[in-house]
C-alpha atoms as a PDB file:
ATOM      1  CA  MET A   1    -177.989 162.273 -31.049  1.00  0.00           C
ATOM      2  CA  VAL A   2    -179.842 159.179 -29.945  1.00  0.00           C
ATOM      3  CA  ILE A   3    -177.922 157.141 -32.480  1.00  0.00           C
ATOM      4  CA  ARG A   4    -174.612 158.406 -31.111  1.00  0.00           C
ATOM      5  CA  ARG A   5    -175.583 157.405 -27.568  1.00  0.00           C
ATOM      6  CA  ARG A   6    -176.596 153.937 -28.725  1.00  0.00           C
ATOM      7  CA  ALA A   7    -173.392 153.630 -30.737  1.00  0.00           C
ATOM      8  CA  ARG A   8    -171.331 154.672 -27.718  1.00  0.00           C
ATOM      9  CA  ARG A   9    -173.167 152.199 -25.483  1.00  0.00           C
ATOM     10  CA  PHE A  10    -172.373 149.469 -27.955  1.00  0.00           C
ATOM     11  CA  LEU A  11    -168.911 150.426 -29.230  1.00  0.00           C
ATOM     12  CA  ILE A  12    -167.170 151.411 -25.974  1.00  0.00           C
ATOM     13  CA  PRO A  13    -167.714 148.011 -24.276  1.00  0.00           C
ATOM     14  CA  LEU A  14    -166.928 146.263 -27.563  1.00  0.00           C
ATOM     15  CA  VAL A  15    -163.596 148.112 -27.864  1.00  0.00           C
ATOM     16  CA  LEU A  16    -162.737 147.483 -24.203  1.00  0.00           C
ATOM     17  CA  TYR A  17    -163.561 143.785 -24.459  1.00  0.00           C
ATOM     18  CA  SER A  18    -161.577 143.547 -27.687  1.00  0.00           C
ATOM     19  CA  ILE A  19    -158.533 145.193 -26.119  1.00  0.00           C
ATOM     20  CA  SER A  20    -158.702 143.014 -23.003  1.00  0.00           C
ATOM     21  CA  ALA A  21    -159.147 139.882 -25.170  1.00  0.00           C
ATOM     22  CA  GLY A  22    -156.114 140.922 -27.209  1.00  0.00           C
ATOM     23  CA  VAL A  23    -154.013 141.424 -24.085  1.00  0.00           C
ATOM     24  CA  ALA A  24    -155.148 138.080 -22.670  1.00  0.00           C
ATOM     25  CA  ALA A  25    -154.379 136.359 -26.002  1.00  0.00           C
ATOM     26  CA  TYR A  26    -150.913 137.950 -26.010  1.00  0.00           C
ATOM     27  CA  PHE A  27    -150.095 136.572 -22.569  1.00  0.00           C
ATOM     28  CA  VAL A  28    -151.571 133.137 -23.326  1.00  0.00           C
ATOM     29  CA  HIS A  29    -149.522 132.921 -26.525  1.00  0.00           C
ATOM     30  CA  HIS A  30    -146.290 133.793 -24.746  1.00  0.00           C
ATOM     31  CA  ALA A  31    -147.105 131.490 -21.839  1.00  0.00           C
ATOM     32  CA  HIS A  32    -147.393 128.652 -24.319  1.00  0.00           C
ATOM     33  CA  SER A  33    -144.628 129.312 -26.828  1.00  0.00           C
ATOM     34  CA  GLY A  34    -142.413 131.931 -25.232  1.00  0.00           C
ATOM     35  CA  ALA A  35    -138.847 131.569 -23.999  1.00  0.00           C
ATOM     36  CA  ARG A  36    -140.119 130.280 -20.642  1.00  0.00           C
ATOM     37  CA  GLY A  37    -143.373 128.792 -21.854  1.00  0.00           C
ATOM     38  CA  ILE A  38    -144.802 125.303 -21.888  1.00  0.00           C
ATOM     39  CA  GLU A  39    -143.000 124.258 -25.085  1.00  0.00           C
ATOM     40  CA  ALA A  40    -139.664 125.443 -23.718  1.00  0.00           C
ATOM     41  CA  GLN A  41    -140.303 123.535 -20.501  1.00  0.00           C
ATOM     42  CA  GLN A  42    -140.977 120.355 -22.466  1.00  0.00           C
ATOM     43  CA  LYS A  43    -137.740 120.853 -24.420  1.00  0.00           C
ATOM     44  CA  TYR A  44    -135.840 121.323 -21.154  1.00  0.00           C
ATOM     45  CA  GLU A  45    -137.387 118.186 -19.678  1.00  0.00           C
ATOM     46  CA  ALA A  46    -136.397 116.186 -22.774  1.00  0.00           C
ATOM     47  CA  GLN A  47    -132.873 117.574 -22.525  1.00  0.00           C
ATOM     48  CA  VAL A  48    -132.726 116.677 -18.826  1.00  0.00           C
ATOM     49  CA  ALA A  49    -133.825 113.108 -19.598  1.00  0.00           C
ATOM     50  CA  GLU A  50    -131.182 112.815 -22.343  1.00  0.00           C
ATOM     51  CA  LEU A  51    -128.442 114.171 -20.103  1.00  0.00           C
ATOM     52  CA  SER A  52    -129.530 111.902 -17.236  1.00  0.00           C
ATOM     53  CA  ALA A  53    -129.237 108.878 -19.514  1.00  0.00           C
ATOM     54  CA  GLU A  54    -125.781 110.047 -20.604  1.00  0.00           C
ATOM     55  CA  LEU A  55    -124.790 110.555 -16.961  1.00  0.00           C
ATOM     56  CA  ASP A  56    -125.898 107.030 -16.074  1.00  0.00           C
ATOM     57  CA  GLY A  57    -123.816 105.653 -18.942  1.00  0.00           C
ATOM     58  CA  LEU A  58    -120.788 107.641 -17.833  1.00  0.00           C
ATOM     59  CA  LYS A  59    -121.214 106.481 -14.232  1.00  0.00           C
ATOM     60  CA  THR A  60    -121.291 102.885 -15.432  1.00  0.00           C
ATOM     61  CA  GLN A  61    -118.195 103.469 -17.546  1.00  0.00           C
ATOM     62  CA  ARG A  62    -116.424 105.122 -14.627  1.00  0.00           C
ATOM     63  CA  SER A  63    -117.206 102.248 -12.277  1.00  0.00           C
ATOM     64  CA  GLU A  64    -115.872  99.819 -14.902  1.00  0.00           C
ATOM     65  CA  TRP A  65    -112.641 101.811 -15.171  1.00  0.00           C
ATOM     66  CA  GLU A  66    -112.330 102.013 -11.394  1.00  0.00           C
ATOM     67  CA  ARG A  67    -112.733  98.234 -11.180  1.00  0.00           C
ATOM     68  CA  ARG A  68    -110.031  97.709 -13.819  1.00  0.00           C
ATOM     69  CA  ILE A  69    -107.694 100.177 -12.109  1.00  0.00           C
ATOM     70  CA  ALA A  70    -108.232  98.399  -8.802  1.00  0.00           C
ATOM     71  CA  LEU A  71    -107.043  95.190 -10.471  1.00  0.00           C
ATOM     72  CA  LEU A  72    -103.774  96.886 -11.474  1.00  0.00           C
ATOM     73  CA  ARG A  73    -102.882  98.163  -7.998  1.00  0.00           C
ATOM     74  CA  SER A  74     -99.540  97.061  -6.635  1.00  0.00           C
ATOM     75  CA  ASP A  75    -100.877  95.022  -3.724  1.00  0.00           C
ATOM     76  CA  GLN A  76    -103.057  92.787  -5.908  1.00  0.00           C
ATOM     77  CA  ILE A  77    -102.203  92.548  -9.595  1.00  0.00           C
ATOM     78  CA  ASP A  78    -104.414  90.431 -11.814  1.00  0.00           C
ATOM     79  CA  ARG A  79    -102.006  88.444 -13.978  1.00  0.00           C
ATOM     80  CA  ASP A  80    -104.357  88.067 -16.919  1.00  0.00           C
ATOM     81  CA  LEU A  81    -105.014  91.797 -17.077  1.00  0.00           C
ATOM     82  CA  LEU A  82    -101.310  92.541 -16.717  1.00  0.00           C
ATOM     83  CA  GLU A  83    -100.481  90.162 -19.567  1.00  0.00           C
ATOM     84  CA  GLU A  84    -103.207  91.664 -21.750  1.00  0.00           C
ATOM     85  CA  ARG A  85    -101.959  95.209 -21.172  1.00  0.00           C
ATOM     86  CA  ALA A  86     -98.344  94.176 -21.808  1.00  0.00           C
ATOM     87  CA  ARG A  87     -99.328  92.569 -25.113  1.00  0.00           C
ATOM     88  CA  VAL A  88    -101.251  95.631 -26.191  1.00  0.00           C
ATOM     89  CA  MET A  89     -98.463  98.015 -25.270  1.00  0.00           C
ATOM     90  CA  LEU A  90     -95.704  95.922 -26.841  1.00  0.00           C
ATOM     91  CA  GLY A  91     -97.703  94.922 -29.904  1.00  0.00           C
ATOM     92  CA  ARG A  92     -96.990  91.212 -29.368  1.00  0.00           C
ATOM     93  CA  VAL A  93     -99.193  88.161 -29.594  1.00  0.00           C
ATOM     94  CA  HIS A  94     -98.895  84.649 -28.283  1.00  0.00           C
ATOM     95  CA  LYS A  95     -98.229  81.869 -30.800  1.00  0.00           C
ATOM     96  CA  ASN A  96    -101.597  80.252 -30.031  1.00  0.00           C
ATOM     97  CA  ASP A  97    -103.590  83.498 -30.363  1.00  0.00           C
ATOM     98  CA  LEU A  98    -105.870  84.058 -33.338  1.00  0.00           C
ATOM     99  CA  VAL A  99    -105.444  87.543 -34.836  1.00  0.00           C
ATOM    100  CA  ILE A 100    -108.239  89.048 -36.935  1.00  0.00           C
ATOM    101  CA  ILE A 101    -107.314  92.246 -38.797  1.00  0.00           C
ATOM    102  CA  THR A 102    -110.384  94.413 -39.309  1.00  0.00           C
ATOM    103  CA  GLY A 103    -108.889  97.282 -41.265  1.00  0.00           C
ATOM    104  CA  PRO A 104    -107.858 100.820 -40.411  1.00  0.00           C
END
């Protein structure tokens, strides 16, 4: 009888602490590696940085295209650009041009 009381005094807190430690470990594990955990947040931040770099490149490309389109407007046509586009579209070259064929 005395042994049972001592065992209960020892085992009941041990079981409760073990269960609460298990529950805490479960939540810590999922907070770190779960779908919305720290690792997922780092992956999202890396993806955001990659997409931001791509967006900056596309903005630069768009501004370049807008500048070239502005040169082709009817009120101010850049003659060099017009000649270049005409040559490309017609497949012609000037007799003084050097043509380098690079393959397919």
